[in-house]
Amino acid sequence: MDLGKLIQDRIRDVPDYPKPGVVFKDITPLLADHVAFAGVVDAIVNHHGRGTIDKIVGIEARGFILAAPVAYHFGAGFVPVRKKGKLPSRTYEETYDLEYGTETIEMHVDAFEPGDRVLIVDDVLATGGTARAAAELVRRGGGEVAGLSVLLELSFLEGRGKLGNVDVHSLVTV
């Protein structure tokens, strides 16, 4: 099975969403396909190797969908990174730019034990702002960023370059 082709065939482009000029990458057809969805989760876990990760960070909202089963397969904890105001306890926050505005994300201050190896999982790496902010939250929380795994990397937006020495794993790059 060619997982890259299967992934690309299951991602739908939605022009002018959420605003004119943006082409949204809709992953819901991929999520509805058991083989594609399972292939994505397995590929992320296999890339990093079981037993190497303590916590998985999932970035709201589509990152949650991918990160939760990855955490399960690693035998690791799941830590949600959410938009500002959505978490019920004390948080760290980071504000960043994205291709169509700014956003602030938060993570609970007690999400990690010192030295936890943390894998960040999201659906798309675009400009790198969200991933960079999530990595900073992990560091501030005492975790060690073991890497970032994404379903799709939009290389023309050069987000990887904003992540410094973070190990980036993309299942498909366009």
N, C-alpha and C. Protein backbone atom coordinates (compact mmCIF):
# COMPACT_ATOMS: atom_id res chain seq x y z
N MET A 1 0.85 -1.19 0.00
CA MET A 1 0.00 0.00 0.00
C MET A 1 0.89 1.25 0.00
N ASP A 2 0.57 2.18 -0.84
CA ASP A 2 1.28 3.47 -0.88
C ASP A 2 0.52 4.44 0.03
N LEU A 3 1.00 4.57 1.28
CA LEU A 3 0.30 5.39 2.27
C LEU A 3 0.25 6.85 1.84
N GLY A 4 1.33 7.36 1.28
CA GLY A 4 1.34 8.76 0.84
C GLY A 4 0.26 9.05 -0.18
N LYS A 5 0.10 8.16 -1.16
CA LYS A 5 -0.94 8.35 -2.17
C LYS A 5 -2.33 8.23 -1.55
N LEU A 6 -2.50 7.25 -0.66
CA LEU A 6 -3.78 7.08 0.01
C LEU A 6 -4.15 8.34 0.80
N ILE A 7 -3.19 8.90 1.51
CA ILE A 7 -3.43 10.14 2.27
C ILE A 7 -3.83 11.27 1.32
N GLN A 8 -3.04 11.47 0.28
CA GLN A 8 -3.34 12.56 -0.66
C GLN A 8 -4.71 12.40 -1.30
N ASP A 9 -5.08 11.16 -1.61
CA ASP A 9 -6.39 10.91 -2.22
C ASP A 9 -7.54 11.17 -1.25
N ARG A 10 -7.25 11.18 0.05
CA ARG A 10 -8.31 11.35 1.06
C ARG A 10 -8.34 12.74 1.69
N ILE A 11 -7.54 13.66 1.19
CA ILE A 11 -7.56 15.05 1.69
C ILE A 11 -8.21 15.91 0.63
N ARG A 12 -9.24 16.63 1.05
CA ARG A 12 -10.03 17.45 0.12
C ARG A 12 -9.63 18.92 0.28
N ASP A 13 -9.40 19.60 -0.83
CA ASP A 13 -9.15 21.05 -0.83
C ASP A 13 -10.47 21.80 -0.83
N VAL A 14 -10.59 22.75 0.09
CA VAL A 14 -11.78 23.60 0.16
C VAL A 14 -11.31 25.04 -0.04
N PRO A 15 -11.53 25.60 -1.24
CA PRO A 15 -11.05 26.96 -1.50
C PRO A 15 -11.82 28.02 -0.71
N ASP A 16 -11.10 29.08 -0.38
CA ASP A 16 -11.67 30.26 0.28
C ASP A 16 -12.30 29.95 1.63
N TYR A 17 -11.67 29.03 2.38
CA TYR A 17 -12.13 28.72 3.73
C TYR A 17 -10.93 28.68 4.65
N PRO A 18 -10.93 29.33 5.77
CA PRO A 18 -12.02 30.06 6.40
C PRO A 18 -12.16 31.50 5.92
N LYS A 19 -11.29 31.91 4.98
CA LYS A 19 -11.44 33.25 4.41
C LYS A 19 -10.94 33.22 2.97
N PRO A 20 -11.31 34.21 2.17
CA PRO A 20 -10.89 34.23 0.77
C PRO A 20 -9.37 34.13 0.61
N GLY A 21 -8.95 33.33 -0.33
CA GLY A 21 -7.54 33.16 -0.62
C GLY A 21 -6.89 31.98 0.08
N VAL A 22 -7.53 31.43 1.09
CA VAL A 22 -6.99 30.28 1.82
C VAL A 22 -7.60 29.00 1.24
N VAL A 23 -6.75 28.00 1.01
CA VAL A 23 -7.22 26.69 0.58
C VAL A 23 -7.12 25.76 1.79
N PHE A 24 -8.25 25.42 2.38
CA PHE A 24 -8.33 24.59 3.57
C PHE A 24 -8.13 23.13 3.19
N LYS A 25 -7.33 22.42 3.96
CA LYS A 25 -7.09 20.99 3.74
C LYS A 25 -8.01 20.20 4.67
N ASP A 26 -9.08 19.66 4.11
CA ASP A 26 -10.10 18.94 4.86
C ASP A 26 -9.69 17.47 4.97
N ILE A 27 -9.44 17.01 6.20
CA ILE A 27 -9.02 15.63 6.42
C ILE A 27 -10.17 14.70 6.78
N THR A 28 -11.40 15.20 6.80
CA THR A 28 -12.51 14.33 7.21
C THR A 28 -12.69 13.11 6.29
N PRO A 29 -12.45 13.20 4.97
CA PRO A 29 -12.54 11.97 4.17
C PRO A 29 -11.49 10.93 4.60
N LEU A 30 -10.31 11.37 5.00
CA LEU A 30 -9.28 10.45 5.47
C LEU A 30 -9.72 9.80 6.78
N LEU A 31 -10.28 10.59 7.69
CA LEU A 31 -10.71 10.06 8.98
C LEU A 31 -11.83 9.03 8.82
N ALA A 32 -12.65 9.19 7.79
CA ALA A 32 -13.76 8.27 7.55
C ALA A 32 -13.31 6.95 6.92
N ASP A 33 -12.07 6.89 6.45
CA ASP A 33 -11.52 5.69 5.82
C ASP A 33 -10.65 4.97 6.84
N HIS A 34 -11.15 3.84 7.35
CA HIS A 34 -10.44 3.11 8.40
C HIS A 34 -9.00 2.78 8.02
N VAL A 35 -8.78 2.33 6.80
CA VAL A 35 -7.44 1.93 6.37
C VAL A 35 -6.50 3.14 6.37
N ALA A 36 -6.96 4.25 5.84
CA ALA A 36 -6.12 5.46 5.80
C ALA A 36 -5.85 5.98 7.21
N PHE A 37 -6.88 6.06 8.03
CA PHE A 37 -6.73 6.57 9.39
C PHE A 37 -5.77 5.68 10.21
N ALA A 38 -5.99 4.37 10.16
CA ALA A 38 -5.11 3.45 10.87
C ALA A 38 -3.68 3.52 10.33
N GLY A 39 -3.55 3.68 9.02
CA GLY A 39 -2.22 3.80 8.42
C GLY A 39 -1.47 5.01 8.91
N VAL A 40 -2.17 6.12 9.07
CA VAL A 40 -1.56 7.36 9.58
C VAL A 40 -1.07 7.15 11.01
N VAL A 41 -1.94 6.63 11.86
CA VAL A 41 -1.57 6.41 13.27
C VAL A 41 -0.38 5.46 13.36
N ASP A 42 -0.44 4.34 12.64
CA ASP A 42 0.65 3.37 12.67
C ASP A 42 1.96 3.96 12.16
N ALA A 43 1.90 4.77 11.12
CA ALA A 43 3.12 5.36 10.55
C ALA A 43 3.79 6.31 11.54
N ILE A 44 2.99 7.08 12.27
CA ILE A 44 3.56 7.99 13.27
C ILE A 44 4.22 7.19 14.39
N VAL A 45 3.52 6.19 14.90
CA VAL A 45 4.08 5.37 15.99
C VAL A 45 5.33 4.65 15.52
N ASN A 46 5.29 4.05 14.34
CA ASN A 46 6.45 3.31 13.83
C ASN A 46 7.65 4.21 13.60
N HIS A 47 7.41 5.44 13.18
CA HIS A 47 8.53 6.35 12.92
C HIS A 47 9.33 6.63 14.19
N HIS A 48 8.64 6.80 15.31
CA HIS A 48 9.31 7.17 16.55
C HIS A 48 9.69 5.97 17.40
N GLY A 49 8.97 4.88 17.27
CA GLY A 49 9.27 3.67 18.02
C GLY A 49 8.61 3.65 19.39
N ARG A 50 7.92 2.58 19.67
CA ARG A 50 7.26 2.42 20.98
C ARG A 50 8.29 2.50 22.10
N GLY A 51 7.86 3.07 23.22
CA GLY A 51 8.73 3.16 24.39
C GLY A 51 9.64 4.36 24.41
N THR A 52 9.55 5.22 23.40
CA THR A 52 10.45 6.37 23.32
C THR A 52 9.79 7.68 23.73
N ILE A 53 8.48 7.67 23.95
CA ILE A 53 7.71 8.89 24.19
C ILE A 53 6.90 8.72 25.47
N ASP A 54 6.91 9.77 26.32
CA ASP A 54 6.13 9.75 27.56
C ASP A 54 4.76 10.40 27.41
N LYS A 55 4.69 11.47 26.64
CA LYS A 55 3.43 12.21 26.47
C LYS A 55 3.29 12.61 25.00
N ILE A 56 2.03 12.64 24.56
CA ILE A 56 1.69 13.12 23.23
C ILE A 56 0.89 14.40 23.40
N VAL A 57 1.33 15.46 22.75
CA VAL A 57 0.58 16.71 22.71
C VAL A 57 -0.24 16.73 21.43
N GLY A 58 -1.53 16.96 21.56
CA GLY A 58 -2.41 17.14 20.42
C GLY A 58 -2.86 18.59 20.38
N ILE A 59 -2.77 19.20 19.21
CA ILE A 59 -3.14 20.60 19.05
C ILE A 59 -4.58 20.69 18.56
N GLU A 60 -5.36 21.52 19.24
CA GLU A 60 -6.78 21.71 18.91
C GLU A 60 -6.94 22.12 17.45
N ALA A 61 -7.88 21.63 16.77
CA ALA A 61 -8.80 20.58 17.15
C ALA A 61 -8.48 19.30 16.39
N ARG A 62 -8.08 19.40 15.15
CA ARG A 62 -7.86 18.19 14.37
C ARG A 62 -6.65 17.41 14.86
N GLY A 63 -5.71 18.08 15.50
CA GLY A 63 -4.58 17.38 16.09
C GLY A 63 -5.01 16.42 17.18
N PHE A 64 -6.11 16.73 17.90
CA PHE A 64 -6.63 15.82 18.93
C PHE A 64 -6.98 14.48 18.32
N ILE A 65 -7.62 14.52 17.15
CA ILE A 65 -8.13 13.31 16.51
C ILE A 65 -6.98 12.36 16.17
N LEU A 66 -5.86 12.90 15.74
CA LEU A 66 -4.70 12.07 15.40
C LEU A 66 -3.89 11.71 16.64
N ALA A 67 -3.75 12.64 17.56
CA ALA A 67 -2.87 12.45 18.72
C ALA A 67 -3.39 11.42 19.71
N ALA A 68 -4.69 11.38 19.93
CA ALA A 68 -5.24 10.46 20.94
C ALA A 68 -4.95 8.99 20.61
N PRO A 69 -5.21 8.52 19.39
CA PRO A 69 -4.87 7.12 19.11
C PRO A 69 -3.35 6.88 19.09
N VAL A 70 -2.58 7.88 18.70
CA VAL A 70 -1.12 7.74 18.76
C VAL A 70 -0.68 7.55 20.20
N ALA A 71 -1.22 8.35 21.13
CA ALA A 71 -0.89 8.21 22.55
C ALA A 71 -1.25 6.81 23.04
N TYR A 72 -2.43 6.33 22.67
CA TYR A 72 -2.86 4.99 23.06
C TYR A 72 -1.85 3.94 22.61
N HIS A 73 -1.44 4.02 21.36
CA HIS A 73 -0.51 3.02 20.83
C HIS A 73 0.89 3.13 21.42
N PHE A 74 1.29 4.31 21.85
CA PHE A 74 2.57 4.48 22.52
C PHE A 74 2.51 4.03 23.98
N GLY A 75 1.30 3.95 24.54
CA GLY A 75 1.19 3.74 25.98
C GLY A 75 1.61 5.00 26.70
N ALA A 76 1.34 6.15 26.08
CA ALA A 76 1.74 7.46 26.61
C ALA A 76 0.52 8.26 27.01
N GLY A 77 0.73 9.28 27.82
CA GLY A 77 -0.35 10.19 28.17
C GLY A 77 -0.66 11.14 27.03
N PHE A 78 -1.85 11.68 27.05
CA PHE A 78 -2.29 12.66 26.04
C PHE A 78 -2.46 14.01 26.72
N VAL A 79 -1.89 15.06 26.13
CA VAL A 79 -1.98 16.41 26.65
C VAL A 79 -2.60 17.31 25.58
N PRO A 80 -3.77 17.89 25.87
CA PRO A 80 -4.37 18.79 24.89
C PRO A 80 -3.77 20.19 24.96
N VAL A 81 -3.48 20.75 23.81
CA VAL A 81 -3.13 22.16 23.68
C VAL A 81 -4.33 22.80 23.01
N ARG A 82 -4.92 23.78 23.73
CA ARG A 82 -6.20 24.33 23.29
C ARG A 82 -6.12 25.82 23.07
N LYS A 83 -7.12 26.34 22.40
CA LYS A 83 -7.25 27.78 22.23
C LYS A 83 -7.48 28.42 23.59
N LYS A 84 -7.08 29.68 23.70
CA LYS A 84 -7.16 30.41 24.96
C LYS A 84 -8.57 30.36 25.55
N GLY A 85 -8.62 30.11 26.86
CA GLY A 85 -9.88 30.12 27.58
C GLY A 85 -10.64 28.81 27.61
N LYS A 86 -10.07 27.74 27.05
CA LYS A 86 -10.78 26.46 26.97
C LYS A 86 -10.34 25.44 28.02
N LEU A 87 -9.24 25.70 28.72
CA LEU A 87 -8.76 24.76 29.73
C LEU A 87 -9.15 25.24 31.12
N PRO A 88 -9.53 24.32 32.03
CA PRO A 88 -10.12 24.72 33.30
C PRO A 88 -9.15 25.05 34.44
N SER A 89 -7.87 24.80 34.27
CA SER A 89 -6.93 25.03 35.36
C SER A 89 -5.87 26.04 34.92
N ARG A 90 -4.86 26.24 35.76
CA ARG A 90 -3.79 27.20 35.42
C ARG A 90 -3.06 26.77 34.15
N THR A 91 -2.72 27.75 33.32
CA THR A 91 -2.11 27.43 32.03
C THR A 91 -0.91 28.31 31.73
N TYR A 92 -0.07 27.81 30.83
CA TYR A 92 0.90 28.62 30.10
C TYR A 92 0.21 28.98 28.80
N GLU A 93 0.54 30.13 28.23
CA GLU A 93 -0.03 30.49 26.94
C GLU A 93 1.04 31.05 26.01
N GLU A 94 0.81 30.88 24.72
CA GLU A 94 1.67 31.39 23.66
C GLU A 94 0.79 31.96 22.55
N THR A 95 1.16 33.15 22.08
CA THR A 95 0.47 33.77 20.95
C THR A 95 1.39 33.67 19.74
N TYR A 96 0.80 33.43 18.59
CA TYR A 96 1.58 33.24 17.37
C TYR A 96 0.78 33.73 16.16
N ASP A 97 1.50 33.88 15.05
CA ASP A 97 0.88 34.27 13.79
C ASP A 97 0.61 33.02 12.98
N LEU A 98 -0.50 33.03 12.25
CA LEU A 98 -0.76 32.00 11.27
C LEU A 98 -1.07 32.67 9.94
N GLU A 99 -1.31 31.85 8.92
CA GLU A 99 -1.40 32.42 7.58
C GLU A 99 -2.57 33.38 7.40
N TYR A 100 -3.53 33.38 8.31
CA TYR A 100 -4.68 34.27 8.16
C TYR A 100 -5.07 34.95 9.46
N GLY A 101 -4.10 35.27 10.33
CA GLY A 101 -4.39 36.01 11.56
C GLY A 101 -3.45 35.64 12.68
N THR A 102 -3.89 35.85 13.93
CA THR A 102 -3.13 35.46 15.11
C THR A 102 -4.02 34.59 15.99
N GLU A 103 -3.37 33.84 16.86
CA GLU A 103 -4.08 32.92 17.75
C GLU A 103 -3.27 32.76 19.03
N THR A 104 -3.93 32.39 20.10
CA THR A 104 -3.26 32.07 21.37
C THR A 104 -3.68 30.67 21.78
N ILE A 105 -2.68 29.85 22.12
CA ILE A 105 -2.95 28.51 22.61
C ILE A 105 -2.44 28.39 24.04
N GLU A 106 -3.03 27.41 24.75
CA GLU A 106 -2.68 27.19 26.15
C GLU A 106 -2.50 25.70 26.43
N MET A 107 -1.77 25.46 27.54
CA MET A 107 -1.56 24.11 28.03
C MET A 107 -1.52 24.19 29.56
N HIS A 108 -2.04 23.20 30.24
CA HIS A 108 -1.98 23.19 31.71
C HIS A 108 -0.54 23.21 32.19
N VAL A 109 -0.28 23.96 33.26
CA VAL A 109 1.08 24.08 33.79
C VAL A 109 1.59 22.77 34.38
N ASP A 110 0.70 21.87 34.76
CA ASP A 110 1.12 20.60 35.37
C ASP A 110 1.01 19.42 34.41
N ALA A 111 1.10 19.68 33.12
CA ALA A 111 0.91 18.62 32.12
C ALA A 111 2.05 17.61 32.06
N PHE A 112 3.25 18.02 32.47
CA PHE A 112 4.42 17.15 32.32
C PHE A 112 5.18 17.00 33.63
N GLU A 113 5.86 15.87 33.72
CA GLU A 113 6.88 15.67 34.74
C GLU A 113 8.19 16.18 34.15
N PRO A 114 9.09 16.68 34.97
CA PRO A 114 10.37 17.17 34.42
C PRO A 114 11.05 16.09 33.57
N GLY A 115 11.44 16.49 32.37
CA GLY A 115 12.15 15.59 31.47
C GLY A 115 11.28 14.67 30.63
N ASP A 116 9.95 14.75 30.76
CA ASP A 116 9.10 13.94 29.90
C ASP A 116 9.48 14.15 28.44
N ARG A 117 9.60 13.05 27.69
CA ARG A 117 9.83 13.14 26.24
C ARG A 117 8.47 13.29 25.58
N VAL A 118 8.31 14.38 24.82
CA VAL A 118 7.00 14.76 24.31
C VAL A 118 7.02 14.82 22.78
N LEU A 119 6.05 14.15 22.18
CA LEU A 119 5.84 14.21 20.74
C LEU A 119 4.62 15.09 20.49
N ILE A 120 4.77 16.10 19.67
CA ILE A 120 3.67 16.97 19.27
C ILE A 120 3.07 16.40 17.99
N VAL A 121 1.74 16.28 17.95
CA VAL A 121 1.06 15.73 16.78
C VAL A 121 0.00 16.73 16.32
N ASP A 122 0.01 17.01 15.02
CA ASP A 122 -1.01 17.88 14.43
C ASP A 122 -1.32 17.38 13.03
N ASP A 123 -2.35 17.95 12.44
CA ASP A 123 -2.74 17.51 11.10
C ASP A 123 -1.88 18.14 10.02
N VAL A 124 -1.67 19.47 10.10
CA VAL A 124 -0.98 20.18 9.03
C VAL A 124 0.11 21.08 9.61
N LEU A 125 1.28 21.06 8.99
CA LEU A 125 2.33 22.03 9.26
C LEU A 125 2.28 23.03 8.12
N ALA A 126 1.88 24.26 8.43
CA ALA A 126 1.77 25.31 7.42
C ALA A 126 2.88 26.33 7.67
N THR A 127 2.56 27.44 8.29
CA THR A 127 3.55 28.49 8.53
C THR A 127 4.47 28.19 9.70
N GLY A 128 4.13 27.20 10.51
CA GLY A 128 4.98 26.81 11.64
C GLY A 128 4.65 27.51 12.95
N GLY A 129 3.76 28.48 12.92
CA GLY A 129 3.45 29.24 14.13
C GLY A 129 2.84 28.40 15.23
N THR A 130 1.87 27.58 14.88
CA THR A 130 1.21 26.75 15.89
C THR A 130 2.19 25.75 16.47
N ALA A 131 2.93 25.08 15.63
CA ALA A 131 3.89 24.07 16.10
C ALA A 131 4.97 24.71 16.96
N ARG A 132 5.47 25.85 16.55
CA ARG A 132 6.51 26.54 17.34
C ARG A 132 5.95 26.93 18.71
N ALA A 133 4.71 27.44 18.75
CA ALA A 133 4.10 27.82 20.02
C ALA A 133 3.88 26.59 20.91
N ALA A 134 3.44 25.48 20.33
CA ALA A 134 3.25 24.26 21.10
C ALA A 134 4.58 23.76 21.66
N ALA A 135 5.64 23.81 20.87
CA ALA A 135 6.97 23.39 21.35
C ALA A 135 7.42 24.27 22.51
N GLU A 136 7.17 25.55 22.42
CA GLU A 136 7.53 26.45 23.51
C GLU A 136 6.74 26.13 24.77
N LEU A 137 5.45 25.81 24.63
CA LEU A 137 4.65 25.42 25.79
C LEU A 137 5.21 24.15 26.44
N VAL A 138 5.60 23.18 25.63
CA VAL A 138 6.19 21.94 26.15
C VAL A 138 7.44 22.27 26.96
N ARG A 139 8.31 23.08 26.41
CA ARG A 139 9.56 23.44 27.10
C ARG A 139 9.27 24.18 28.40
N ARG A 140 8.35 25.13 28.36
CA ARG A 140 8.00 25.87 29.57
C ARG A 140 7.41 24.97 30.63
N GLY A 141 6.73 23.91 30.20
CA GLY A 141 6.13 22.97 31.13
C GLY A 141 7.09 21.91 31.66
N GLY A 142 8.36 21.97 31.24
CA GLY A 142 9.36 21.03 31.74
C GLY A 142 9.56 19.80 30.89
N GLY A 143 8.87 19.73 29.75
CA GLY A 143 9.03 18.58 28.85
C GLY A 143 10.16 18.81 27.86
N GLU A 144 10.60 17.71 27.27
CA GLU A 144 11.61 17.73 26.22
C GLU A 144 10.90 17.42 24.90
N VAL A 145 11.00 18.30 23.93
CA VAL A 145 10.35 18.07 22.64
C VAL A 145 11.13 17.00 21.87
N ALA A 146 10.50 15.83 21.74
CA ALA A 146 11.13 14.72 21.03
C ALA A 146 10.91 14.82 19.53
N GLY A 147 9.90 15.60 19.12
CA GLY A 147 9.63 15.76 17.71
C GLY A 147 8.22 16.26 17.46
N LEU A 148 7.96 16.49 16.19
CA LEU A 148 6.65 16.90 15.70
C LEU A 148 6.30 15.96 14.56
N SER A 149 5.12 15.35 14.64
CA SER A 149 4.63 14.52 13.54
C SER A 149 3.35 15.15 13.00
N VAL A 150 3.30 15.28 11.67
CA VAL A 150 2.13 15.85 11.01
C VAL A 150 1.71 14.95 9.85
N LEU A 151 0.44 15.01 9.58
CA LEU A 151 -0.12 14.29 8.45
C LEU A 151 0.36 14.91 7.13
N LEU A 152 0.31 16.24 7.06
CA LEU A 152 0.57 16.97 5.82
C LEU A 152 1.42 18.20 6.09
N GLU A 153 2.48 18.38 5.32
CA GLU A 153 3.32 19.57 5.41
C GLU A 153 3.18 20.38 4.13
N LEU A 154 2.81 21.64 4.28
CA LEU A 154 2.73 22.56 3.15
C LEU A 154 4.07 23.26 3.03
N SER A 155 5.00 22.65 2.29
CA SER A 155 6.39 23.10 2.27
C SER A 155 6.55 24.51 1.70
N PHE A 156 5.66 24.92 0.84
CA PHE A 156 5.77 26.25 0.23
C PHE A 156 5.57 27.37 1.25
N LEU A 157 5.01 27.05 2.43
CA LEU A 157 4.85 28.05 3.49
C LEU A 157 6.05 28.09 4.45
N GLU A 158 6.99 27.15 4.26
CA GLU A 158 8.28 27.14 4.95
C GLU A 158 8.17 27.10 6.48
N GLY A 159 7.15 26.43 7.00
CA GLY A 159 6.97 26.33 8.44
C GLY A 159 8.07 25.57 9.15
N ARG A 160 8.62 24.57 8.50
CA ARG A 160 9.70 23.77 9.10
C ARG A 160 10.87 24.66 9.52
N GLY A 161 11.15 25.67 8.74
CA GLY A 161 12.26 26.57 9.04
C GLY A 161 12.09 27.38 10.31
N LYS A 162 10.87 27.49 10.80
CA LYS A 162 10.61 28.26 12.02
C LYS A 162 10.71 27.42 13.28
N LEU A 163 11.01 26.14 13.13
CA LEU A 163 10.98 25.24 14.27
C LEU A 163 12.35 24.93 14.86
N GLY A 164 13.38 25.56 14.35
CA GLY A 164 14.71 25.35 14.91
C GLY A 164 15.14 23.90 14.78
N ASN A 165 15.56 23.32 15.92
CA ASN A 165 16.10 21.96 15.89
C ASN A 165 15.05 20.88 16.18
N VAL A 166 13.77 21.21 16.07
CA VAL A 166 12.71 20.21 16.28
C VAL A 166 12.73 19.20 15.12
N ASP A 167 12.76 17.92 15.47
CA ASP A 167 12.70 16.86 14.47
C ASP A 167 11.29 16.81 13.89
N VAL A 168 11.14 17.10 12.60
CA VAL A 168 9.82 17.15 11.96
C VAL A 168 9.65 15.89 11.11
N HIS A 169 8.54 15.21 11.34
CA HIS A 169 8.16 14.03 10.57
C HIS A 169 6.84 14.31 9.88
N SER A 170 6.85 14.35 8.56
CA SER A 170 5.64 14.59 7.76
C SER A 170 5.32 13.34 6.96
N LEU A 171 4.06 12.92 6.99
CA LEU A 171 3.69 11.76 6.20
C LEU A 171 3.57 12.11 4.73
N VAL A 172 3.11 13.32 4.43
CA VAL A 172 3.02 13.81 3.04
C VAL A 172 3.49 15.26 3.03
N THR A 173 4.30 15.60 2.05
CA THR A 173 4.77 16.97 1.87
C THR A 173 4.35 17.45 0.48
N VAL A 174 3.70 18.62 0.44
CA VAL A 174 3.34 19.21 -0.85
C VAL A 174 3.92 20.60 -0.93
